[in-house]
C-alpha atoms as a PDB file:
ATOM      1  CA  MET A   1     -25.259 -32.828  21.423  1.00  0.00           C
ATOM      2  CA  PRO A   2     -21.948 -33.382  23.201  1.00  0.00           C
ATOM      3  CA  ARG A   3     -20.682 -30.579  25.333  1.00  0.00           C
ATOM      4  CA  ARG A   4     -17.647 -28.775  23.942  1.00  0.00           C
ATOM      5  CA  PRO A   5     -14.558 -28.703  26.165  1.00  0.00           C
ATOM      6  CA  ALA A   6     -13.554 -25.422  27.788  1.00  0.00           C
ATOM      7  CA  TYR A   7     -10.401 -25.073  25.687  1.00  0.00           C
ATOM      8  CA  TYR A   8     -12.583 -24.929  22.547  1.00  0.00           C
ATOM      9  CA  TRP A   9     -13.985 -21.560  23.564  1.00  0.00           C
ATOM     10  CA  TRP A  10     -10.564 -20.386  24.642  1.00  0.00           C
ATOM     11  CA  PHE A  11      -9.162 -21.378  21.235  1.00  0.00           C
ATOM     12  CA  LEU A  12     -12.069 -19.724  19.386  1.00  0.00           C
ATOM     13  CA  ALA A  13     -11.650 -16.477  21.348  1.00  0.00           C
ATOM     14  CA  ASN A  14      -7.945 -16.367  20.541  1.00  0.00           C
ATOM     15  CA  VAL A  15      -8.552 -17.022  16.829  1.00  0.00           C
ATOM     16  CA  LEU A  16     -11.114 -14.214  16.692  1.00  0.00           C
ATOM     17  CA  ALA A  17      -8.775 -11.869  18.582  1.00  0.00           C
ATOM     18  CA  ALA A  18      -5.910 -12.714  16.188  1.00  0.00           C
ATOM     19  CA  CYS A  19      -8.151 -12.114  13.159  1.00  0.00           C
ATOM     20  CA  PHE A  20      -9.274  -8.786  14.578  1.00  0.00           C
ATOM     21  CA  ALA A  21      -5.661  -7.754  15.223  1.00  0.00           C
ATOM     22  CA  VAL A  22      -4.611  -8.649  11.667  1.00  0.00           C
ATOM     23  CA  VAL A  23      -7.564  -6.826  10.123  1.00  0.00           C
ATOM     24  CA  SER A  24      -6.917  -3.778  12.314  1.00  0.00           C
ATOM     25  CA  TRP A  25      -3.246  -3.781  11.361  1.00  0.00           C
ATOM     26  CA  PHE A  26      -3.949  -3.897   7.640  1.00  0.00           C
ATOM     27  CA  LEU A  27      -6.667  -1.277   8.014  1.00  0.00           C
ATOM     28  CA  CYS A  28      -4.261   1.066   9.799  1.00  0.00           C
ATOM     29  CA  LEU A  29      -1.625   0.506   7.115  1.00  0.00           C
ATOM     30  CA  HIS A  30      -4.203   1.288   4.446  1.00  0.00           C
ATOM     31  CA  ILE A  31      -5.419   4.483   6.139  1.00  0.00           C
ATOM     32  CA  PHE A  32      -1.985   5.900   6.970  1.00  0.00           C
ATOM     33  CA  GLY A  33      -0.398   4.709   3.738  1.00  0.00           C
ATOM     34  CA  ASN A  34      -3.079   6.142   1.427  1.00  0.00           C
ATOM     35  CA  PRO A  35      -3.968   9.634   2.698  1.00  0.00           C
ATOM     36  CA  GLU A  36      -5.033  10.698  -0.810  1.00  0.00           C
ATOM     37  CA  ILE A  37      -8.256   8.677  -0.447  1.00  0.00           C
ATOM     38  CA  PRO A  38     -10.891  11.133   0.874  1.00  0.00           C
ATOM     39  CA  ARG A  39     -12.308   8.679   3.447  1.00  0.00           C
ATOM     40  CA  ASN A  40      -8.838   7.977   4.830  1.00  0.00           C
ATOM     41  CA  TYR A  41      -8.027  11.682   4.952  1.00  0.00           C
ATOM     42  CA  ARG A  42     -11.184  12.370   6.972  1.00  0.00           C
ATOM     43  CA  ILE A  43     -10.263   9.602   9.427  1.00  0.00           C
ATOM     44  CA  LEU A  44      -6.740  10.979   9.802  1.00  0.00           C
ATOM     45  CA  LYS A  45      -8.190  14.429  10.425  1.00  0.00           C
ATOM     46  CA  LYS A  46     -10.416  13.090  13.219  1.00  0.00           C
ATOM     47  CA  LEU A  47      -7.397  11.335  14.713  1.00  0.00           C
ATOM     48  CA  ASP A  48      -5.357  14.551  14.413  1.00  0.00           C
ATOM     49  CA  ARG A  49      -2.804  12.642  12.339  1.00  0.00           C
ATOM     50  CA  LEU A  50      -2.954  14.475   9.009  1.00  0.00           C
ATOM     51  CA  PRO A  51       0.259  14.285   6.976  1.00  0.00           C
ATOM     52  CA  GLU A  52       2.291  17.473   7.432  1.00  0.00           C
ATOM     53  CA  LEU A  53       3.751  19.024   4.291  1.00  0.00           C
ATOM     54  CA  LYS A  54       7.418  19.880   4.697  1.00  0.00           C
ATOM     55  CA  ARG A  55       8.443  23.486   4.165  1.00  0.00           C
ATOM     56  CA  TYR A  56      11.086  23.008   1.491  1.00  0.00           C
ATOM     57  CA  THR A  57      13.326  25.772   0.169  1.00  0.00           C
ATOM     58  CA  VAL A  58      15.131  25.901  -3.174  1.00  0.00           C
ATOM     59  CA  LEU A  59      18.201  24.533  -1.385  1.00  0.00           C
ATOM     60  CA  ASP A  60      16.692  21.304  -0.066  1.00  0.00           C
ATOM     61  CA  VAL A  61      13.894  20.267  -2.453  1.00  0.00           C
ATOM     62  CA  PRO A  62      14.112  16.596  -3.482  1.00  0.00           C
ATOM     63  CA  ASN A  63      15.624  15.736  -6.843  1.00  0.00           C
ATOM     64  CA  GLY A  64      13.261  14.990  -9.696  1.00  0.00           C
ATOM     65  CA  ASN A  65      12.866  15.039 -13.454  1.00  0.00           C
ATOM     66  CA  VAL A  66      12.831  18.513 -15.031  1.00  0.00           C
ATOM     67  CA  LEU A  67      10.798  18.603 -18.260  1.00  0.00           C
ATOM     68  CA  ASP A  68       9.848  21.296 -20.766  1.00  0.00           C
ATOM     69  CA  PRO A  69       6.444  21.342 -22.543  1.00  0.00           C
ATOM     70  CA  SER A  70       7.414  19.032 -25.401  1.00  0.00           C
ATOM     71  CA  GLU A  71       8.960  16.521 -22.969  1.00  0.00           C
ATOM     72  CA  LEU A  72       5.898  16.696 -20.716  1.00  0.00           C
ATOM     73  CA  TYR A  73       3.647  16.046 -23.704  1.00  0.00           C
ATOM     74  CA  GLY A  74       5.700  13.043 -24.755  1.00  0.00           C
ATOM     75  CA  LYS A  75       5.705  11.572 -21.255  1.00  0.00           C
ATOM     76  CA  PHE A  76       2.074  12.032 -20.209  1.00  0.00           C
ATOM     77  CA  PHE A  77      -0.263  12.673 -23.141  1.00  0.00           C
ATOM     78  CA  GLY A  78      -0.416   9.094 -24.420  1.00  0.00           C
ATOM     79  CA  LEU A  79      -1.465   7.557 -21.096  1.00  0.00           C
ATOM     80  CA  GLU A  80      -4.686   5.560 -21.127  1.00  0.00           C
ATOM     81  CA  GLU A  81      -7.383   6.695 -18.697  1.00  0.00           C
ATOM     82  CA  ALA A  82      -6.898   3.758 -16.296  1.00  0.00           C
ATOM     83  CA  ASN A  83      -3.138   4.298 -16.178  1.00  0.00           C
ATOM     84  CA  ARG A  84      -3.656   8.025 -15.745  1.00  0.00           C
ATOM     85  CA  ASP A  85      -6.000   7.485 -12.783  1.00  0.00           C
ATOM     86  CA  GLN A  86      -3.482   5.168 -11.145  1.00  0.00           C
ATOM     87  CA  LEU A  87      -0.685   7.657 -11.739  1.00  0.00           C
ATOM     88  CA  ASN A  88      -2.722  10.518 -10.282  1.00  0.00           C
ATOM     89  CA  ALA A  89      -3.319   8.573  -7.065  1.00  0.00           C
ATOM     90  CA  LEU A  90       0.436   7.945  -6.772  1.00  0.00           C
ATOM     91  CA  LEU A  91       1.307  11.579  -7.579  1.00  0.00           C
ATOM     92  CA  LEU A  92      -1.072  12.976  -4.976  1.00  0.00           C
ATOM     93  CA  ARG A  93       0.058  10.473  -2.355  1.00  0.00           C
ATOM     94  CA  ASN A  94       3.676  11.325  -3.100  1.00  0.00           C
ATOM     95  CA  TYR A  95       2.949  15.044  -2.692  1.00  0.00           C
ATOM     96  CA  MET A  96       1.156  14.492   0.613  1.00  0.00           C
ATOM     97  CA  ARG A  97       4.037  12.346   1.878  1.00  0.00           C
ATOM     98  CA  ASN A  98       6.724  14.886   0.935  1.00  0.00           C
ATOM     99  CA  PHE A  99       7.948  13.050  -2.176  1.00  0.00           C
ATOM    100  CA  GLU A 100       9.397  10.021  -0.474  1.00  0.00           C
ATOM    101  CA  LYS A 101       9.441   8.400  -3.957  1.00  0.00           C
ATOM    102  CA  THR A 102      11.546  10.803  -5.998  1.00  0.00           C
ATOM    103  CA  LEU A 103      11.155   8.753  -9.179  1.00  0.00           C
ATOM    104  CA  LEU A 104       7.573  10.065  -9.378  1.00  0.00           C
ATOM    105  CA  LEU A 105       8.628  13.690  -8.955  1.00  0.00           C
ATOM    106  CA  THR A 106       8.461  15.826 -12.106  1.00  0.00           C
ATOM    107  CA  TYR A 107       9.211  19.549 -12.189  1.00  0.00           C
ATOM    108  CA  VAL A 108       7.693  21.740 -14.899  1.00  0.00           C
ATOM    109  CA  GLU A 109       9.678  24.281 -16.893  1.00  0.00           C
ATOM    110  CA  GLY A 110       8.883  26.620 -19.769  1.00  0.00           C
ATOM    111  CA  GLU A 111       6.923  29.747 -20.635  1.00  0.00           C
ATOM    112  CA  TYR A 112       3.149  29.715 -20.240  1.00  0.00           C
ATOM    113  CA  GLN A 113       0.583  32.327 -21.241  1.00  0.00           C
ATOM    114  CA  VAL A 114      -2.039  33.042 -18.595  1.00  0.00           C
ATOM    115  CA  ALA A 115      -5.564  32.163 -19.756  1.00  0.00           C
ATOM    116  CA  ASP A 116      -7.468  32.407 -16.457  1.00  0.00           C
ATOM    117  CA  VAL A 117      -6.970  33.243 -12.787  1.00  0.00           C
ATOM    118  CA  LYS A 118      -9.164  31.781 -10.051  1.00  0.00           C
ATOM    119  CA  LYS A 119      -9.229  32.479  -6.318  1.00  0.00           C
ATOM    120  CA  LEU A 120      -9.748  29.261  -4.408  1.00  0.00           C
ATOM    121  CA  ALA A 121     -12.593  28.768  -1.952  1.00  0.00           C
ATOM    122  CA  PRO A 122     -12.784  26.635   1.233  1.00  0.00           C
ATOM    123  CA  GLY A 123     -14.337  23.715  -0.691  1.00  0.00           C
ATOM    124  CA  ASP A 124     -11.545  23.540  -3.251  1.00  0.00           C
ATOM    125  CA  PHE A 125      -8.614  21.126  -3.185  1.00  0.00           C
ATOM    126  CA  LEU A 126      -6.428  23.695  -1.478  1.00  0.00           C
ATOM    127  CA  TYR A 127      -7.281  26.797   0.534  1.00  0.00           C
ATOM    128  CA  PRO A 128      -6.289  29.565   0.983  1.00  0.00           C
ATOM    129  CA  GLY A 129      -4.702  30.338  -2.348  1.00  0.00           C
ATOM    130  CA  PHE A 130      -5.389  30.818  -6.027  1.00  0.00           C
ATOM    131  CA  ALA A 131      -4.738  29.038  -9.299  1.00  0.00           C
ATOM    132  CA  ILE A 132      -3.586  30.126 -12.734  1.00  0.00           C
ATOM    133  CA  ARG A 133      -4.482  28.285 -15.922  1.00  0.00           C
ATOM    134  CA  ALA A 134      -1.887  28.871 -18.621  1.00  0.00           C
ATOM    135  CA  GLN A 135      -0.914  27.421 -21.996  1.00  0.00           C
ATOM    136  CA  ALA A 136       2.639  26.555 -22.979  1.00  0.00           C
ATOM    137  CA  MET A 137       4.266  28.837 -25.516  1.00  0.00           C
ATOM    138  CA  VAL A 138       6.992  27.179 -27.599  1.00  0.00           C
ATOM    139  CA  LYS A 139       9.210  28.473 -30.407  1.00  0.00           C
ATOM    140  CA  PRO A 140       9.197  26.104 -33.416  1.00  0.00           C
ATOM    141  CA  ASP A 141      12.722  27.339 -34.176  1.00  0.00           C
ATOM    142  CA  ASP A 142      15.099  30.145 -33.295  1.00  0.00           C
ATOM    143  CA  PHE A 143      13.739  32.453 -35.985  1.00  0.00           C
ATOM    144  CA  THR A 144      10.003  32.480 -35.227  1.00  0.00           C
ATOM    145  CA  GLU A 145       7.778  33.749 -32.433  1.00  0.00           C
ATOM    146  CA  ALA A 146       6.522  31.394 -29.742  1.00  0.00           C
ATOM    147  CA  VAL A 147       3.158  29.796 -30.488  1.00  0.00           C
ATOM    148  CA  GLY A 148       0.637  27.907 -28.381  1.00  0.00           C
ATOM    149  CA  PHE A 149       1.545  24.300 -27.609  1.00  0.00           C
ATOM    150  CA  PRO A 150      -0.984  21.619 -26.517  1.00  0.00           C
ATOM    151  CA  VAL A 151       0.152  21.631 -22.886  1.00  0.00           C
ATOM    152  CA  VAL A 152      -1.837  23.486 -20.220  1.00  0.00           C
ATOM    153  CA  ILE A 153      -0.840  23.897 -16.586  1.00  0.00           C
ATOM    154  CA  GLU A 154      -2.924  24.691 -13.543  1.00  0.00           C
ATOM    155  CA  TYR A 155      -0.435  26.436 -11.294  1.00  0.00           C
ATOM    156  CA  ILE A 156      -1.753  26.407  -7.705  1.00  0.00           C
ATOM    157  CA  PHE A 157      -0.320  29.007  -5.321  1.00  0.00           C
ATOM    158  CA  PRO A 158      -0.908  28.219  -1.627  1.00  0.00           C
ATOM    159  CA  THR A 159      -0.906  31.655   0.001  1.00  0.00           C
ATOM    160  CA  GLU A 160      -2.781  33.631   2.625  1.00  0.00           C
ATOM    161  CA  ASN A 161      -2.344  36.835   0.616  1.00  0.00           C
ATOM    162  CA  ALA A 162      -5.881  37.499  -0.594  1.00  0.00           C
ATOM    163  CA  HIS A 163      -4.712  40.027  -3.181  1.00  0.00           C
ATOM    164  CA  ALA A 164      -1.898  37.984  -4.744  1.00  0.00           C
ATOM    165  CA  ALA A 165      -4.159  36.721  -7.541  1.00  0.00           C
ATOM    166  CA  ASP A 166      -4.657  40.321  -8.664  1.00  0.00           C
ATOM    167  CA  LEU A 167      -0.975  40.498  -9.606  1.00  0.00           C
ATOM    168  CA  PHE A 168      -1.609  38.238 -12.627  1.00  0.00           C
ATOM    169  CA  SER A 169      -3.628  39.105 -15.721  1.00  0.00           C
ATOM    170  CA  VAL A 170      -4.839  37.155 -18.728  1.00  0.00           C
ATOM    171  CA  GLY A 171      -2.161  37.312 -21.417  1.00  0.00           C
ATOM    172  CA  ASP A 172       0.774  37.545 -19.004  1.00  0.00           C
ATOM    173  CA  ILE A 173       3.692  35.183 -19.571  1.00  0.00           C
ATOM    174  CA  LEU A 174       4.425  32.933 -16.611  1.00  0.00           C
ATOM    175  CA  LYS A 175       8.036  31.801 -16.662  1.00  0.00           C
ATOM    176  CA  VAL A 176       8.483  28.547 -14.787  1.00  0.00           C
ATOM    177  CA  SER A 177      11.865  27.010 -13.985  1.00  0.00           C
ATOM    178  CA  LYS A 178      13.177  24.398 -11.575  1.00  0.00           C
ATOM    179  CA  ASN A 179      14.994  27.112  -9.664  1.00  0.00           C
ATOM    180  CA  PRO A 180      13.364  28.981  -8.001  1.00  0.00           C
ATOM    181  CA  ASN A 181       9.813  27.706  -8.675  1.00  0.00           C
ATOM    182  CA  CYS A 182      10.084  23.932  -8.139  1.00  0.00           C
ATOM    183  CA  ALA A 183       6.575  23.429  -9.550  1.00  0.00           C
ATOM    184  CA  ALA A 184       5.801  19.734  -9.084  1.00  0.00           C
ATOM    185  CA  VAL A 185       3.211  17.776 -11.073  1.00  0.00           C
ATOM    186  CA  VAL A 186       0.425  16.413  -8.832  1.00  0.00           C
ATOM    187  CA  ASN A 187      -2.224  15.566 -11.440  1.00  0.00           C
ATOM    188  CA  VAL A 188      -2.386  14.629 -15.120  1.00  0.00           C
ATOM    189  CA  SER A 189      -5.526  15.123 -17.193  1.00  0.00           C
ATOM    190  CA  ARG A 190      -6.792  16.062 -20.648  1.00  0.00           C
ATOM    191  CA  ALA A 191      -8.146  19.392 -21.854  1.00  0.00           C
ATOM    192  CA  VAL A 192      -9.375  20.969 -25.079  1.00  0.00           C
ATOM    193  CA  VAL A 193      -7.555  24.017 -26.410  1.00  0.00           C
ATOM    194  CA  ASP A 194      -8.753  25.671 -29.615  1.00  0.00           C
ATOM    195  CA  GLU A 195     -10.939  22.597 -30.232  1.00  0.00           C
ATOM    196  CA  GLU A 196      -7.899  20.334 -30.104  1.00  0.00           C
ATOM    197  CA  PRO A 197      -6.994  17.781 -27.388  1.00  0.00           C
ATOM    198  CA  ALA A 198      -4.254  18.921 -25.043  1.00  0.00           C
ATOM    199  CA  LEU A 199      -2.366  17.722 -21.982  1.00  0.00           C
ATOM    200  CA  GLN A 200      -3.345  19.404 -18.719  1.00  0.00           C
ATOM    201  CA  LEU A 201      -1.115  19.264 -15.647  1.00  0.00           C
ATOM    202  CA  THR A 202      -1.857  20.476 -12.143  1.00  0.00           C
ATOM    203  CA  VAL A 203       1.330  21.726 -10.504  1.00  0.00           C
ATOM    204  CA  ILE A 204       2.118  23.076  -7.041  1.00  0.00           C
ATOM    205  CA  PRO A 205       5.360  24.857  -6.083  1.00  0.00           C
ATOM    206  CA  ILE A 206       7.114  23.093  -3.219  1.00  0.00           C
ATOM    207  CA  ALA A 207       9.895  25.657  -2.622  1.00  0.00           C
ATOM    208  CA  TYR A 208       8.231  28.009  -0.174  1.00  0.00           C
ATOM    209  CA  GLY A 209       8.922  31.602   0.757  1.00  0.00           C
ATOM    210  CA  PRO A 210       8.621  34.773  -1.339  1.00  0.00           C
ATOM    211  CA  TYR A 211       7.388  34.433  -4.925  1.00  0.00           C
ATOM    212  CA  ARG A 212       8.744  37.397  -6.875  1.00  0.00           C
ATOM    213  CA  ILE A 213       7.039  39.088  -9.800  1.00  0.00           C
ATOM    214  CA  GLY A 214       9.414  41.442 -11.546  1.00  0.00           C
ATOM    215  CA  LYS A 215      11.669  43.608  -9.394  1.00  0.00           C
ATOM    216  CA  ASP A 216       9.317  45.154  -6.873  1.00  0.00           C
ATOM    217  CA  ARG A 217       6.359  42.806  -6.314  1.00  0.00           C
ATOM    218  CA  SER A 218       6.170  39.590  -4.336  1.00  0.00           C
ATOM    219  CA  PHE A 219       3.959  37.516  -2.088  1.00  0.00           C
ATOM    220  CA  SER A 220       4.615  34.615   0.243  1.00  0.00           C
ATOM    221  CA  ILE A 221       3.671  30.996  -0.468  1.00  0.00           C
ATOM    222  CA  GLU A 222       3.539  28.483   2.357  1.00  0.00           C
ATOM    223  CA  PRO A 223       2.689  24.761   2.613  1.00  0.00           C
ATOM    224  CA  PRO A 224      -1.036  24.309   3.225  1.00  0.00           C
ATOM    225  CA  ALA A 225      -1.954  22.981   6.651  1.00  0.00           C
ATOM    226  CA  GLU A 226      -4.850  21.001   5.225  1.00  0.00           C
ATOM    227  CA  LEU A 227      -6.042  19.721   1.855  1.00  0.00           C
ATOM    228  CA  ASN A 228      -9.373  18.601   0.474  1.00  0.00           C
ATOM    229  CA  PRO A 229      -8.681  15.461  -1.593  1.00  0.00           C
ATOM    230  CA  GLY A 230     -12.434  14.975  -1.890  1.00  0.00           C
ATOM    231  CA  ASP A 231     -12.458  17.810  -4.439  1.00  0.00           C
ATOM    232  CA  ARG A 232     -10.946  15.978  -7.364  1.00  0.00           C
ATOM    233  CA  LEU A 233      -8.315  17.622  -9.489  1.00  0.00           C
ATOM    234  CA  PRO A 234      -8.044  19.282 -11.955  1.00  0.00           C
ATOM    235  CA  ILE A 235      -9.269  22.671 -10.737  1.00  0.00           C
ATOM    236  CA  TRP A 236     -10.712  23.478 -14.161  1.00  0.00           C
ATOM    237  CA  LYS A 237     -12.923  20.482 -14.847  1.00  0.00           C
END
């Protein structure tokens, strides 16, 4: 077998080094560009490079679509499961990267009746905080009372106030508006309400500071320092 010239090994070493550099580059782009993937998030945590959520106020939140329950139903309910999964990955990534793509940003509005209140634990998607599950209440016309509409929201409050969840009770009406709540959609799913299919949306307020309840009660909400994307949304499975 003829002996290979020295430059052959030099050329082979450079090709392997170039391949390794390209693979490393694309791997880094994938990890930093897709923090919503649990494996990537764990790597970023070990590298101390977790994405930092910006502390928005009502004055500087990014612009987005503002939709009421009927508009939300029309936009999201008809999505096929594959399209919904793809959208959810984009929504969560957009939330973690401070809504750099404002076209994906949707704010929820309307009146919602509280059906359940849950304090979040360390293994949940977000901690500390609590979540409220509530159904949209819509008036068919100006002359009738509001009735349940097939849209359910999971409203996640990131807060260190351990007693804030006690301020809400089943049956309360949660009024949600762009200003001051800025409750952004981060997940779209399906639910069953009164044995009928319904749209379920997980929303998180991104305008931080005091959240007021009535005239004399409030608690503070702040951007979470860390998330747990491994615990798949929605909160109520």
